Amino acid sequence: MPNIIHYRNRCIGCGICYELQPELWRMSKKDGKATLLRAVKKKDVYVLELTRHHVQKSKETAEACPVRIIKVN
């Protein structure tokens, strides 16, 4: 299964991920950064296993991120 990886510590809080995929992302009211919902923290990154339904849109979201901190593999 493909994964989406989020390097949250480098997030600038632009919100494009939330705009493109609100079912997977939220913007934190605490620090203004994006949060990948239901993700598991592994070291300094957050990882979420994707369903086939979310893979293509997640790739588009990763490409839209201005600081390139979202990866799909």
PDB file of N, CA and C in Angstrom:
ATOM      1  N   MET A   1       0.836  -1.189   0.000  1.00  0.00           N
ATOM      2  CA  MET A   1       0.000   0.000   0.000  1.00  0.00           C
ATOM      3  C   MET A   1       0.879   1.249   0.000  1.00  0.00           C
ATOM      4  N   PRO A   2       0.530   2.243  -0.765  1.00  0.00           N
ATOM      5  CA  PRO A   2       1.304   3.486  -0.781  1.00  0.00           C
ATOM      6  C   PRO A   2       1.102   4.286   0.516  1.00  0.00           C
ATOM      7  N   ASN A   3       2.104   5.090   0.824  1.00  0.00           N
ATOM      8  CA  ASN A   3       2.074   5.934   2.012  1.00  0.00           C
ATOM      9  C   ASN A   3       2.201   7.392   1.623  1.00  0.00           C
ATOM     10  N   ILE A   4       1.672   8.251   2.472  1.00  0.00           N
ATOM     11  CA  ILE A   4       1.931   9.674   2.363  1.00  0.00           C
ATOM     12  C   ILE A   4       2.769  10.047   3.584  1.00  0.00           C
ATOM     13  N   ILE A   5       3.804  10.816   3.345  1.00  0.00           N
ATOM     14  CA  ILE A   5       4.736  11.209   4.399  1.00  0.00           C
ATOM     15  C   ILE A   5       4.714  12.729   4.513  1.00  0.00           C
ATOM     16  N   HIS A   6       4.616  13.210   5.740  1.00  0.00           N
ATOM     17  CA  HIS A   6       4.540  14.656   5.988  1.00  0.00           C
ATOM     18  C   HIS A   6       5.658  15.067   6.946  1.00  0.00           C
ATOM     19  N   TYR A   7       6.516  15.974   6.488  1.00  0.00           N
ATOM     20  CA  TYR A   7       7.591  16.524   7.310  1.00  0.00           C
ATOM     21  C   TYR A   7       7.046  17.776   7.998  1.00  0.00           C
ATOM     22  N   ARG A   8       6.262  17.564   9.032  1.00  0.00           N
ATOM     23  CA  ARG A   8       5.504  18.644   9.663  1.00  0.00           C
ATOM     24  C   ARG A   8       6.382  19.755  10.235  1.00  0.00           C
ATOM     25  N   ASN A   9       7.543  19.420  10.755  1.00  0.00           N
ATOM     26  CA  ASN A   9       8.407  20.441  11.362  1.00  0.00           C
ATOM     27  C   ASN A   9       8.849  21.505  10.359  1.00  0.00           C
ATOM     28  N   ARG A  10       8.773  21.204   9.061  1.00  0.00           N
ATOM     29  CA  ARG A  10       9.152  22.176   8.028  1.00  0.00           C
ATOM     30  C   ARG A  10       7.949  22.880   7.390  1.00  0.00           C
ATOM     31  N   CYS A  11       6.757  22.605   7.892  1.00  0.00           N
ATOM     32  CA  CYS A  11       5.529  23.180   7.342  1.00  0.00           C
ATOM     33  C   CYS A  11       5.494  24.693   7.574  1.00  0.00           C
ATOM     34  N   ILE A  12       5.041  25.437   6.551  1.00  0.00           N
ATOM     35  CA  ILE A  12       4.909  26.889   6.674  1.00  0.00           C
ATOM     36  C   ILE A  12       3.452  27.311   6.872  1.00  0.00           C
ATOM     37  N   GLY A  13       2.541  26.356   6.860  1.00  0.00           N
ATOM     38  CA  GLY A  13       1.132  26.644   7.138  1.00  0.00           C
ATOM     39  C   GLY A  13       0.385  27.341   6.019  1.00  0.00           C
ATOM     40  N   CYS A  14       0.753  27.091   4.775  1.00  0.00           N
ATOM     41  CA  CYS A  14       0.081  27.756   3.650  1.00  0.00           C
ATOM     42  C   CYS A  14      -1.350  27.252   3.452  1.00  0.00           C
ATOM     43  N   GLY A  15      -1.621  25.991   3.824  1.00  0.00           N
ATOM     44  CA  GLY A  15      -2.967  25.442   3.760  1.00  0.00           C
ATOM     45  C   GLY A  15      -3.380  24.801   2.453  1.00  0.00           C
ATOM     46  N   ILE A  16      -2.485  24.700   1.476  1.00  0.00           N
ATOM     47  CA  ILE A  16      -2.855  24.113   0.183  1.00  0.00           C
ATOM     48  C   ILE A  16      -3.253  22.642   0.336  1.00  0.00           C
ATOM     49  N   CYS A  17      -2.604  21.922   1.233  1.00  0.00           N
ATOM     50  CA  CYS A  17      -2.950  20.511   1.444  1.00  0.00           C
ATOM     51  C   CYS A  17      -4.382  20.380   1.956  1.00  0.00           C
ATOM     52  N   TYR A  18      -4.754  21.240   2.880  1.00  0.00           N
ATOM     53  CA  TYR A  18      -6.118  21.224   3.412  1.00  0.00           C
ATOM     54  C   TYR A  18      -7.140  21.626   2.337  1.00  0.00           C
ATOM     55  N   GLU A  19      -6.791  22.595   1.521  1.00  0.00           N
ATOM     56  CA  GLU A  19      -7.694  23.024   0.457  1.00  0.00           C
ATOM     57  C   GLU A  19      -7.933  21.919  -0.561  1.00  0.00           C
ATOM     58  N   LEU A  20      -6.881  21.164  -0.890  1.00  0.00           N
ATOM     59  CA  LEU A  20      -6.991  20.110  -1.897  1.00  0.00           C
ATOM     60  C   LEU A  20      -7.558  18.807  -1.358  1.00  0.00           C
ATOM     61  N   GLN A  21      -7.272  18.490  -0.096  1.00  0.00           N
ATOM     62  CA  GLN A  21      -7.712  17.220   0.487  1.00  0.00           C
ATOM     63  C   GLN A  21      -8.198  17.400   1.923  1.00  0.00           C
ATOM     64  N   PRO A  22      -9.302  18.061   2.123  1.00  0.00           N
ATOM     65  CA  PRO A  22      -9.761  18.288   3.497  1.00  0.00           C
ATOM     66  C   PRO A  22     -10.102  17.005   4.254  1.00  0.00           C
ATOM     67  N   GLU A  23     -10.288  15.906   3.521  1.00  0.00           N
ATOM     68  CA  GLU A  23     -10.564  14.643   4.199  1.00  0.00           C
ATOM     69  C   GLU A  23      -9.314  14.047   4.859  1.00  0.00           C
ATOM     70  N   LEU A  24      -8.118  14.525   4.467  1.00  0.00           N
ATOM     71  CA  LEU A  24      -6.871  14.008   5.042  1.00  0.00           C
ATOM     72  C   LEU A  24      -6.110  15.023   5.890  1.00  0.00           C
ATOM     73  N   TRP A  25      -6.434  16.293   5.759  1.00  0.00           N
ATOM     74  CA  TRP A  25      -5.638  17.334   6.406  1.00  0.00           C
ATOM     75  C   TRP A  25      -6.495  18.265   7.256  1.00  0.00           C
ATOM     76  N   ARG A  26      -5.881  18.844   8.280  1.00  0.00           N
ATOM     77  CA  ARG A  26      -6.461  19.918   9.081  1.00  0.00           C
ATOM     78  C   ARG A  26      -5.353  20.927   9.363  1.00  0.00           C
ATOM     79  N   MET A  27      -5.764  22.159   9.572  1.00  0.00           N
ATOM     80  CA  MET A  27      -4.815  23.199   9.955  1.00  0.00           C
ATOM     81  C   MET A  27      -4.916  23.369  11.467  1.00  0.00           C
ATOM     82  N   SER A  28      -3.786  23.288  12.140  1.00  0.00           N
ATOM     83  CA  SER A  28      -3.760  23.385  13.590  1.00  0.00           C
ATOM     84  C   SER A  28      -4.035  24.814  14.050  1.00  0.00           C
ATOM     85  N   LYS A  29      -4.960  24.963  14.979  1.00  0.00           N
ATOM     86  CA  LYS A  29      -5.224  26.274  15.568  1.00  0.00           C
ATOM     87  C   LYS A  29      -4.111  26.652  16.537  1.00  0.00           C
ATOM     88  N   LYS A  30      -3.383  25.649  17.007  1.00  0.00           N
ATOM     89  CA  LYS A  30      -2.332  25.873  17.996  1.00  0.00           C
ATOM     90  C   LYS A  30      -1.085  26.511  17.384  1.00  0.00           C
ATOM     91  N   ASP A  31      -0.604  25.964  16.265  1.00  0.00           N
ATOM     92  CA  ASP A  31       0.632  26.489  15.666  1.00  0.00           C
ATOM     93  C   ASP A  31       0.499  26.890  14.196  1.00  0.00           C
ATOM     94  N   GLY A  32      -0.690  26.718  13.608  1.00  0.00           N
ATOM     95  CA  GLY A  32      -0.919  27.133  12.227  1.00  0.00           C
ATOM     96  C   GLY A  32      -0.383  26.201  11.167  1.00  0.00           C
ATOM     97  N   LYS A  33       0.173  25.072  11.570  1.00  0.00           N
ATOM     98  CA  LYS A  33       0.725  24.118  10.608  1.00  0.00           C
ATOM     99  C   LYS A  33      -0.309  23.064  10.235  1.00  0.00           C
ATOM    100  N   ALA A  34      -0.055  22.399   9.112  1.00  0.00           N
ATOM    101  CA  ALA A  34      -0.938  21.329   8.657  1.00  0.00           C
ATOM    102  C   ALA A  34      -0.728  20.075   9.489  1.00  0.00           C
ATOM    103  N   THR A  35      -1.819  19.334   9.687  1.00  0.00           N
ATOM    104  CA  THR A  35      -1.777  18.071  10.405  1.00  0.00           C
ATOM    105  C   THR A  35      -2.377  16.999   9.511  1.00  0.00           C
ATOM    106  N   LEU A  36      -1.646  15.933   9.297  1.00  0.00           N
ATOM    107  CA  LEU A  36      -2.119  14.795   8.509  1.00  0.00           C
ATOM    108  C   LEU A  36      -2.948  13.905   9.429  1.00  0.00           C
ATOM    109  N   LEU A  37      -4.238  13.845   9.174  1.00  0.00           N
ATOM    110  CA  LEU A  37      -5.157  13.122  10.052  1.00  0.00           C
ATOM    111  C   LEU A  37      -4.871  11.620  10.064  1.00  0.00           C
ATOM    112  N   ARG A  38      -4.984  11.036  11.232  1.00  0.00           N
ATOM    113  CA  ARG A  38      -4.797   9.590  11.458  1.00  0.00           C
ATOM    114  C   ARG A  38      -3.392   9.098  11.129  1.00  0.00           C
ATOM    115  N   ALA A  39      -2.430  10.003  11.002  1.00  0.00           N
ATOM    116  CA  ALA A  39      -1.054   9.605  10.685  1.00  0.00           C
ATOM    117  C   ALA A  39      -0.331   9.146  11.954  1.00  0.00           C
ATOM    118  N   VAL A  40       0.675   8.327  11.749  1.00  0.00           N
ATOM    119  CA  VAL A  40       1.508   7.832  12.840  1.00  0.00           C
ATOM    120  C   VAL A  40       2.849   8.555  12.776  1.00  0.00           C
ATOM    121  N   LYS A  41       3.298   9.051  13.915  1.00  0.00           N
ATOM    122  CA  LYS A  41       4.591   9.740  13.956  1.00  0.00           C
ATOM    123  C   LYS A  41       5.705   8.702  14.023  1.00  0.00           C
ATOM    124  N   LYS A  42       6.649   8.806  13.076  1.00  0.00           N
ATOM    125  CA  LYS A  42       7.820   7.936  13.033  1.00  0.00           C
ATOM    126  C   LYS A  42       9.036   8.834  12.930  1.00  0.00           C
ATOM    127  N   LYS A  43       9.786   8.914  14.005  1.00  0.00           N
ATOM    128  CA  LYS A  43      10.910   9.852  14.126  1.00  0.00           C
ATOM    129  C   LYS A  43      10.369  11.260  13.969  1.00  0.00           C
ATOM    130  N   ASP A  44      10.804  12.002  12.973  1.00  0.00           N
ATOM    131  CA  ASP A  44      10.360  13.386  12.797  1.00  0.00           C
ATOM    132  C   ASP A  44       9.346  13.557  11.675  1.00  0.00           C
ATOM    133  N   VAL A  45       8.760  12.467  11.202  1.00  0.00           N
ATOM    134  CA  VAL A  45       7.781  12.553  10.109  1.00  0.00           C
ATOM    135  C   VAL A  45       6.489  11.857  10.510  1.00  0.00           C
ATOM    136  N   TYR A  46       5.434  12.210   9.788  1.00  0.00           N
ATOM    137  CA  TYR A  46       4.135  11.568   9.993  1.00  0.00           C
ATOM    138  C   TYR A  46       3.827  10.741   8.755  1.00  0.00           C
ATOM    139  N   VAL A  47       3.360   9.506   8.974  1.00  0.00           N
ATOM    140  CA  VAL A  47       3.115   8.566   7.882  1.00  0.00           C
ATOM    141  C   VAL A  47       1.681   8.051   7.963  1.00  0.00           C
ATOM    142  N   LEU A  48       1.036   8.021   6.798  1.00  0.00           N
ATOM    143  CA  LEU A  48      -0.327   7.498   6.707  1.00  0.00           C
ATOM    144  C   LEU A  48      -0.404   6.570   5.507  1.00  0.00           C
ATOM    145  N   GLU A  49      -0.940   5.370   5.721  1.00  0.00           N
ATOM    146  CA  GLU A  49      -1.166   4.442   4.616  1.00  0.00           C
ATOM    147  C   GLU A  49      -2.376   4.930   3.831  1.00  0.00           C
ATOM    148  N   LEU A  50      -2.218   5.035   2.527  1.00  0.00           N
ATOM    149  CA  LEU A  50      -3.278   5.557   1.661  1.00  0.00           C
ATOM    150  C   LEU A  50      -4.102   4.446   1.040  1.00  0.00           C
ATOM    151  N   THR A  51      -5.362   4.731   0.828  1.00  0.00           N
ATOM    152  CA  THR A  51      -6.191   3.837   0.035  1.00  0.00           C
ATOM    153  C   THR A  51      -5.957   4.188  -1.441  1.00  0.00           C
ATOM    154  N   ARG A  52      -6.311   3.322  -2.317  1.00  0.00           N
ATOM    155  CA  ARG A  52      -6.156   3.597  -3.757  1.00  0.00           C
ATOM    156  C   ARG A  52      -6.921   4.855  -4.161  1.00  0.00           C
ATOM    157  N   HIS A  53      -8.024   5.064  -3.493  1.00  0.00           N
ATOM    158  CA  HIS A  53      -8.871   6.227  -3.776  1.00  0.00           C
ATOM    159  C   HIS A  53      -8.128   7.551  -3.559  1.00  0.00           C
ATOM    160  N   HIS A  54      -7.200   7.602  -2.608  1.00  0.00           N
ATOM    161  CA  HIS A  54      -6.514   8.841  -2.258  1.00  0.00           C
ATOM    162  C   HIS A  54      -5.150   9.036  -2.927  1.00  0.00           C
ATOM    163  N   VAL A  55      -4.625   8.044  -3.613  1.00  0.00           N
ATOM    164  CA  VAL A  55      -3.257   8.122  -4.131  1.00  0.00           C
ATOM    165  C   VAL A  55      -3.067   9.253  -5.137  1.00  0.00           C
ATOM    166  N   GLN A  56      -3.859   9.320  -6.168  1.00  0.00           N
ATOM    167  CA  GLN A  56      -3.661  10.322  -7.213  1.00  0.00           C
ATOM    168  C   GLN A  56      -3.809  11.735  -6.666  1.00  0.00           C
ATOM    169  N   LYS A  57      -4.842  11.976  -5.886  1.00  0.00           N
ATOM    170  CA  LYS A  57      -5.059  13.311  -5.320  1.00  0.00           C
ATOM    171  C   LYS A  57      -3.935  13.664  -4.345  1.00  0.00           C
ATOM    172  N   SER A  58      -3.412  12.693  -3.624  1.00  0.00           N
ATOM    173  CA  SER A  58      -2.303  12.942  -2.700  1.00  0.00           C
ATOM    174  C   SER A  58      -1.035  13.318  -3.459  1.00  0.00           C
ATOM    175  N   LYS A  59      -0.829  12.722  -4.619  1.00  0.00           N
ATOM    176  CA  LYS A  59       0.317  13.101  -5.451  1.00  0.00           C
ATOM    177  C   LYS A  59       0.182  14.541  -5.923  1.00  0.00           C
ATOM    178  N   GLU A  60      -1.023  14.926  -6.309  1.00  0.00           N
ATOM    179  CA  GLU A  60      -1.269  16.306  -6.728  1.00  0.00           C
ATOM    180  C   GLU A  60      -1.054  17.273  -5.559  1.00  0.00           C
ATOM    181  N   THR A  61      -1.478  16.877  -4.384  1.00  0.00           N
ATOM    182  CA  THR A  61      -1.285  17.698  -3.189  1.00  0.00           C
ATOM    183  C   THR A  61       0.198  17.856  -2.888  1.00  0.00           C
ATOM    184  N   ALA A  62       0.947  16.773  -2.985  1.00  0.00           N
ATOM    185  CA  ALA A  62       2.390  16.826  -2.737  1.00  0.00           C
ATOM    186  C   ALA A  62       3.079  17.772  -3.718  1.00  0.00           C
ATOM    187  N   GLU A  63       2.671  17.727  -4.975  1.00  0.00           N
ATOM    188  CA  GLU A  63       3.262  18.614  -5.981  1.00  0.00           C
ATOM    189  C   GLU A  63       2.892  20.080  -5.744  1.00  0.00           C
ATOM    190  N   ALA A  64       1.722  20.322  -5.173  1.00  0.00           N
ATOM    191  CA  ALA A  64       1.265  21.688  -4.931  1.00  0.00           C
ATOM    192  C   ALA A  64       1.921  22.329  -3.708  1.00  0.00           C
ATOM    193  N   CYS A  65       2.469  21.521  -2.825  1.00  0.00           N
ATOM    194  CA  CYS A  65       3.087  22.049  -1.598  1.00  0.00           C
ATOM    195  C   CYS A  65       4.285  22.919  -1.970  1.00  0.00           C
ATOM    196  N   PRO A  66       4.280  24.197  -1.576  1.00  0.00           N
ATOM    197  CA  PRO A  66       5.362  25.102  -1.981  1.00  0.00           C
ATOM    198  C   PRO A  66       6.723  24.787  -1.354  1.00  0.00           C
ATOM    199  N   VAL A  67       6.735  24.089  -0.244  1.00  0.00           N
ATOM    200  CA  VAL A  67       8.014  23.756   0.399  1.00  0.00           C
ATOM    201  C   VAL A  67       8.369  22.275   0.260  1.00  0.00           C
ATOM    202  N   ARG A  68       7.568  21.541  -0.509  1.00  0.00           N
ATOM    203  CA  ARG A  68       7.830  20.132  -0.857  1.00  0.00           C
ATOM    204  C   ARG A  68       8.083  19.245   0.373  1.00  0.00           C
ATOM    205  N   ILE A  69       7.181  19.334   1.355  1.00  0.00           N
ATOM    206  CA  ILE A  69       7.342  18.541   2.574  1.00  0.00           C
ATOM    207  C   ILE A  69       6.361  17.379   2.634  1.00  0.00           C
ATOM    208  N   ILE A  70       5.664  17.122   1.534  1.00  0.00           N
ATOM    209  CA  ILE A  70       4.732  15.999   1.441  1.00  0.00           C
ATOM    210  C   ILE A  70       5.253  15.066   0.353  1.00  0.00           C
ATOM    211  N   LYS A  71       5.368  13.789   0.703  1.00  0.00           N
ATOM    212  CA  LYS A  71       5.855  12.788  -0.248  1.00  0.00           C
ATOM    213  C   LYS A  71       4.864  11.627  -0.310  1.00  0.00           C
ATOM    214  N   VAL A  72       4.698  11.074  -1.495  1.00  0.00           N
ATOM    215  CA  VAL A  72       3.863   9.884  -1.683  1.00  0.00           C
ATOM    216  C   VAL A  72       4.744   8.805  -2.294  1.00  0.00           C
ATOM    217  N   ASN A  73       4.773   7.629  -1.645  1.00  0.00           N
ATOM    218  CA  ASN A  73       5.547   6.510  -2.205  1.00  0.00           C
ATOM    219  C   ASN A  73       4.813   5.211  -2.025  1.00  0.00           C
TER     220      ASN A  73
END
